[in-house]
Amino acid sequence: MAYFEQTGPHTYRPTQHVGGAWQADEQHIAPSLGLIAHVVEQHRDARRDDHLTISRLAFDIWGVVPLEEVSVEVEVLRPGRTIELVEATMRHDGRTIVTMRTWLQQTRDTTALRGTAWADVPGPDDVPAWDIAAVWPGGFIKSVEVRRDQAEPGRAVAWARPTQQLVAGQQVSPLARAVGMFDLVNGLTVREDPRTVAFPNLDLTAHLLREPGGDWLGYDIRVSFDDDGVGITHCVLHDESGPLGTVSQTLTVRPL
């Protein structure tokens, strides 16, 4: 099984493993973000052979989508020899669901300049297994393996990996596979019980130093709510080689 099956040149049908956490009959947006990244990479590789790397992905989530067929189309907004700005749009039945703008750039050897102030975190072998399905419902949640060390609600180190392919029968890059797990971050260390407080995200922005490697994606997470209905989830992303980037989300906090 996989999260999506391709049904046409630009169309994809979700499987049961895309079922949402807020509503089980809606799509969880996480696999959709991975699908969009995958389509952008396919579009890039069909146009050029120099493998520009994706260094930023900025997703805006326009609304919820049922477990039905979606389309994804890509446009180059700012072409260039070493830097490009690309936009991708996911639609359902003609309605925009997600838009993404991503910067792609040429890589070069800067080994002598490498460094970061981000701290390492315990690896997946050093973090206990955690049953995320005890907190969240849905097909996507059931499809992921999670390990977590929670310091307090809203503060945790976690590792996760999918058990399904992103698109049936297609080779998917480690980056697209990881992007399909980015949106999981909002549910890995909740500040409040999601049965009493809703806190869906309106967007997701990732800045990446490099492409991830390995099966596991690591999250060093901080979740904040203010007193005006606005929240932020912020995370430093890791693989087993160390920090690789950040993810931030804007939350709309709504007591039920």
Protein backbone atom coordinates (compact mmCIF):
# COMPACT_ATOMS: atom_id res chain seq x y z
CA MET A 1 0.00 0.00 0.00
CA ALA A 2 0.94 3.64 -0.36
CA TYR A 3 -0.42 7.05 0.61
CA PHE A 4 -1.35 7.93 -2.99
CA GLU A 5 -1.94 6.25 -6.33
CA GLN A 6 -1.37 8.24 -9.52
CA THR A 7 -4.48 8.24 -11.69
CA GLY A 8 -3.51 10.65 -14.50
CA PRO A 9 -0.75 13.04 -15.62
CA HIS A 10 -1.52 15.44 -12.74
CA THR A 11 -4.01 13.53 -10.56
CA TYR A 12 -3.64 11.34 -7.47
CA ARG A 13 -6.05 9.31 -5.38
CA PRO A 14 -5.44 8.98 -1.60
CA THR A 15 -5.63 5.61 0.11
CA GLN A 16 -6.95 4.80 3.57
CA HIS A 17 -3.53 5.67 5.01
CA VAL A 18 -4.16 9.39 4.37
CA GLY A 19 -7.10 9.61 6.81
CA GLY A 20 -6.92 12.75 8.95
CA ALA A 21 -6.37 13.26 12.66
CA TRP A 22 -8.92 16.05 13.21
CA GLN A 23 -11.54 14.27 11.03
CA ALA A 24 -10.95 10.67 9.92
CA ASP A 25 -12.94 11.17 6.67
CA GLU A 26 -10.67 14.05 5.57
CA GLN A 27 -7.10 13.90 4.34
CA HIS A 28 -4.25 14.41 6.77
CA ILE A 29 -2.26 17.16 5.12
CA ALA A 30 1.15 15.59 5.87
CA PRO A 31 1.26 13.09 2.97
CA SER A 32 -0.11 15.77 0.65
CA LEU A 33 2.86 18.02 1.38
CA GLY A 34 5.20 15.15 0.57
CA LEU A 35 3.29 14.50 -2.66
CA ILE A 36 3.65 18.15 -3.70
CA ALA A 37 7.41 18.04 -3.04
CA HIS A 38 7.65 14.83 -5.09
CA VAL A 39 5.83 16.40 -8.04
CA VAL A 40 8.08 19.49 -7.88
CA GLU A 41 11.16 17.26 -7.99
CA GLN A 42 9.76 15.35 -10.98
CA HIS A 43 9.03 18.65 -12.73
CA ARG A 44 12.58 19.90 -12.01
CA ASP A 45 14.23 16.73 -13.29
CA ALA A 46 12.17 16.78 -16.48
CA ARG A 47 13.39 20.33 -17.21
CA ARG A 48 17.05 20.19 -16.20
CA ASP A 49 19.80 17.76 -15.26
CA ASP A 50 21.74 19.67 -12.57
CA HIS A 51 19.56 18.64 -9.59
CA LEU A 52 19.05 22.03 -7.96
CA THR A 53 18.53 21.40 -4.26
CA ILE A 54 15.36 22.46 -2.43
CA SER A 55 16.31 24.82 0.40
CA ARG A 56 12.92 26.23 1.42
CA LEU A 57 9.34 25.01 1.17
CA ALA A 58 6.52 27.38 2.17
CA PHE A 59 3.07 25.78 2.23
CA ASP A 60 -0.21 27.64 2.74
CA ILE A 61 -3.16 25.39 3.59
CA TRP A 62 -6.39 26.81 2.16
CA GLY A 63 -8.81 24.29 3.62
CA VAL A 64 -9.65 20.68 4.33
CA VAL A 65 -10.01 18.05 1.63
CA PRO A 66 -12.03 14.82 1.60
CA LEU A 67 -10.43 11.45 0.89
CA GLU A 68 -10.90 11.96 -2.84
CA GLU A 69 -8.78 12.58 -5.92
CA VAL A 70 -6.57 15.69 -6.07
CA SER A 71 -4.48 17.34 -8.78
CA VAL A 72 -1.02 18.90 -8.48
CA GLU A 73 0.43 21.32 -11.02
CA VAL A 74 3.74 23.20 -11.03
CA GLU A 75 4.85 26.57 -12.44
CA VAL A 76 8.31 28.14 -12.52
CA LEU A 77 7.86 31.71 -11.28
CA ARG A 78 11.49 32.79 -11.39
CA PRO A 79 13.69 30.73 -13.72
CA GLY A 80 17.44 30.91 -13.37
CA ARG A 81 20.71 29.11 -14.00
CA THR A 82 21.60 28.68 -10.31
CA ILE A 83 18.43 29.70 -8.42
CA GLU A 84 14.74 29.12 -9.17
CA LEU A 85 11.45 29.97 -7.47
CA VAL A 86 8.75 27.37 -8.18
CA GLU A 87 5.07 27.32 -7.22
CA ALA A 88 2.92 24.19 -6.92
CA THR A 89 -0.84 24.04 -6.38
CA MET A 90 -2.94 21.14 -5.12
CA ARG A 91 -6.63 21.23 -6.00
CA HIS A 92 -9.70 19.10 -5.32
CA ASP A 93 -12.65 19.40 -7.69
CA GLY A 94 -11.29 22.74 -8.93
CA ARG A 95 -10.85 24.16 -5.41
CA THR A 96 -7.37 25.13 -4.21
CA ILE A 97 -6.29 23.09 -1.18
CA VAL A 98 -2.58 23.86 -0.78
CA THR A 99 -0.15 26.23 -2.46
CA MET A 100 3.60 25.90 -2.08
CA ARG A 101 6.45 28.16 -3.09
CA THR A 102 9.92 26.67 -2.96
CA TRP A 103 13.42 27.98 -3.60
CA LEU A 104 15.77 25.68 -5.46
CA GLN A 105 19.47 26.47 -5.63
CA GLN A 106 22.74 25.17 -6.96
CA THR A 107 25.02 23.48 -4.45
CA ARG A 108 28.79 23.91 -4.09
CA ASP A 109 31.50 22.65 -1.76
CA THR A 110 31.52 24.69 1.47
CA THR A 111 32.90 21.97 3.72
CA ALA A 112 35.44 24.36 5.26
CA LEU A 113 32.60 26.66 6.39
CA ARG A 114 30.28 24.02 7.82
CA GLY A 115 28.87 24.71 11.31
CA THR A 116 25.69 25.17 13.36
CA ALA A 117 24.63 26.28 16.83
CA TRP A 118 21.79 23.73 16.89
CA ALA A 119 22.35 21.05 19.51
CA ASP A 120 22.31 17.34 18.76
CA VAL A 121 19.45 15.28 20.22
CA PRO A 122 19.26 11.65 21.37
CA GLY A 123 18.94 9.32 18.38
CA PRO A 124 15.97 7.03 17.67
CA ASP A 125 17.63 4.10 19.45
CA ASP A 126 17.84 6.21 22.63
CA VAL A 127 14.21 7.42 22.67
CA PRO A 128 11.34 5.17 23.85
CA ALA A 129 8.52 4.04 21.58
CA TRP A 130 5.32 6.08 21.89
CA ASP A 131 1.78 5.18 20.83
CA ILE A 132 0.66 8.33 19.01
CA ALA A 133 -2.65 6.60 18.16
CA ALA A 134 -3.57 6.86 21.85
CA VAL A 135 -3.86 10.64 21.32
CA TRP A 136 -4.86 10.95 17.65
CA PRO A 137 -7.15 8.94 15.34
CA GLY A 138 -6.91 8.47 11.59
CA GLY A 139 -5.28 6.34 8.94
CA PHE A 140 -2.15 8.44 8.63
CA ILE A 141 -1.46 8.33 12.36
CA LYS A 142 -1.81 4.54 12.30
CA SER A 143 0.72 4.35 9.46
CA VAL A 144 3.68 5.95 11.28
CA GLU A 145 6.11 4.60 13.84
CA VAL A 146 6.96 7.13 16.57
CA ARG A 147 9.45 7.40 19.41
CA ARG A 148 9.27 10.28 21.88
CA ASP A 149 10.95 11.76 24.95
CA GLN A 150 8.62 14.47 26.31
CA ALA A 151 9.98 16.98 28.81
CA GLU A 152 6.55 18.62 29.27
CA PRO A 153 3.44 19.27 27.16
CA GLY A 154 4.61 21.31 24.19
CA ARG A 155 8.28 20.36 24.55
CA ALA A 156 9.70 17.07 23.29
CA VAL A 157 12.26 15.27 21.19
CA ALA A 158 10.69 12.73 18.85
CA TRP A 159 11.57 10.49 15.93
CA ALA A 160 9.15 9.15 13.34
CA ARG A 161 9.12 7.16 10.12
CA PRO A 162 6.35 6.15 7.70
CA THR A 163 5.45 2.53 7.03
CA GLN A 164 3.96 3.24 3.58
CA GLN A 165 5.33 4.42 0.24
CA LEU A 166 4.41 7.96 -0.74
CA VAL A 167 3.18 7.13 -4.26
CA ALA A 168 2.46 3.56 -5.32
CA GLY A 169 5.02 2.15 -7.75
CA GLN A 170 7.17 5.29 -7.88
CA GLN A 171 10.68 5.95 -6.66
CA VAL A 172 10.52 8.85 -4.22
CA SER A 173 13.50 10.84 -2.97
CA PRO A 174 14.48 10.91 0.71
CA LEU A 175 13.50 14.59 0.71
CA ALA A 176 9.94 14.04 -0.54
CA ARG A 177 9.55 11.12 1.87
CA ALA A 178 10.66 13.35 4.76
CA VAL A 179 8.46 16.29 3.68
CA GLY A 180 5.53 13.88 3.93
CA MET A 181 6.32 13.65 7.66
CA PHE A 182 6.87 17.36 8.42
CA ASP A 183 3.25 18.14 9.33
CA LEU A 184 3.25 15.38 11.95
CA VAL A 185 5.15 17.79 14.21
CA ASN A 186 2.00 19.54 15.44
CA GLY A 187 0.72 16.34 17.05
CA LEU A 188 3.90 15.00 18.62
CA THR A 189 3.73 16.97 21.88
CA VAL A 190 0.36 18.60 22.43
CA ARG A 191 -0.07 21.40 24.96
CA GLU A 192 -3.76 20.57 25.37
CA ASP A 193 -5.99 17.55 24.80
CA PRO A 194 -7.18 17.76 21.16
CA ARG A 195 -10.60 16.52 22.32
CA THR A 196 -11.07 19.82 24.21
CA VAL A 197 -8.95 22.28 22.20
CA ALA A 198 -8.45 22.38 18.43
CA PHE A 199 -5.16 23.81 17.14
CA PRO A 200 -4.86 23.09 13.39
CA ASN A 201 -2.08 24.76 11.43
CA LEU A 202 -2.68 27.29 8.67
CA ASP A 203 0.72 26.86 7.06
CA LEU A 204 4.07 25.12 7.24
CA THR A 205 7.45 26.55 6.31
CA ALA A 206 10.62 24.46 6.19
CA HIS A 207 14.17 25.73 5.73
CA LEU A 208 16.67 23.00 4.91
CA LEU A 209 20.46 22.88 5.08
CA ARG A 210 20.61 19.63 3.11
CA GLU A 211 18.58 16.65 2.00
CA PRO A 212 17.78 14.19 4.81
CA GLY A 213 19.15 10.67 4.92
CA GLY A 214 17.99 7.42 6.50
CA ASP A 215 14.55 6.19 7.50
CA TRP A 216 14.04 8.23 10.67
CA LEU A 217 13.17 11.94 10.88
CA GLY A 218 13.94 13.67 14.18
CA TYR A 219 12.05 16.59 15.75
CA ASP A 220 13.23 18.93 18.52
CA ILE A 221 9.87 20.59 19.20
CA ARG A 222 8.51 23.62 21.04
CA VAL A 223 4.79 24.51 20.95
CA SER A 224 3.50 27.89 22.17
CA PHE A 225 -0.04 29.25 22.65
CA ASP A 226 -0.70 32.90 23.48
CA ASP A 227 -3.88 34.37 24.99
CA ASP A 228 -5.29 35.59 21.65
CA GLY A 229 -6.03 32.33 19.85
CA VAL A 230 -2.72 32.21 18.01
CA GLY A 231 -0.06 29.55 18.43
CA ILE A 232 3.25 28.50 16.93
CA THR A 233 4.86 25.10 16.57
CA HIS A 234 8.61 25.36 15.94
CA CYS A 235 10.98 22.46 15.40
CA VAL A 236 14.60 21.79 14.53
CA LEU A 237 14.67 18.81 12.18
CA HIS A 238 17.27 16.05 12.45
CA ASP A 239 18.35 12.86 10.81
CA GLU A 240 20.81 10.45 12.34
CA SER A 241 23.71 12.56 11.03
CA GLY A 242 22.57 15.67 12.95
CA PRO A 243 20.46 18.82 12.48
CA LEU A 244 19.24 19.45 8.94
CA GLY A 245 16.76 22.35 9.09
CA THR A 246 13.67 23.85 10.73
CA VAL A 247 9.89 23.69 10.47
CA SER A 248 7.45 26.33 11.74
CA GLN A 249 3.65 26.38 11.73
CA THR A 250 1.04 29.04 12.52
CA LEU A 251 -1.75 27.55 14.67
CA THR A 252 -5.32 28.70 15.16
CA VAL A 253 -6.21 27.78 18.76
CA ARG A 254 -9.91 27.10 19.37
CA PRO A 255 -11.39 25.74 22.63
CA LEU A 256 -14.13 23.24 21.73
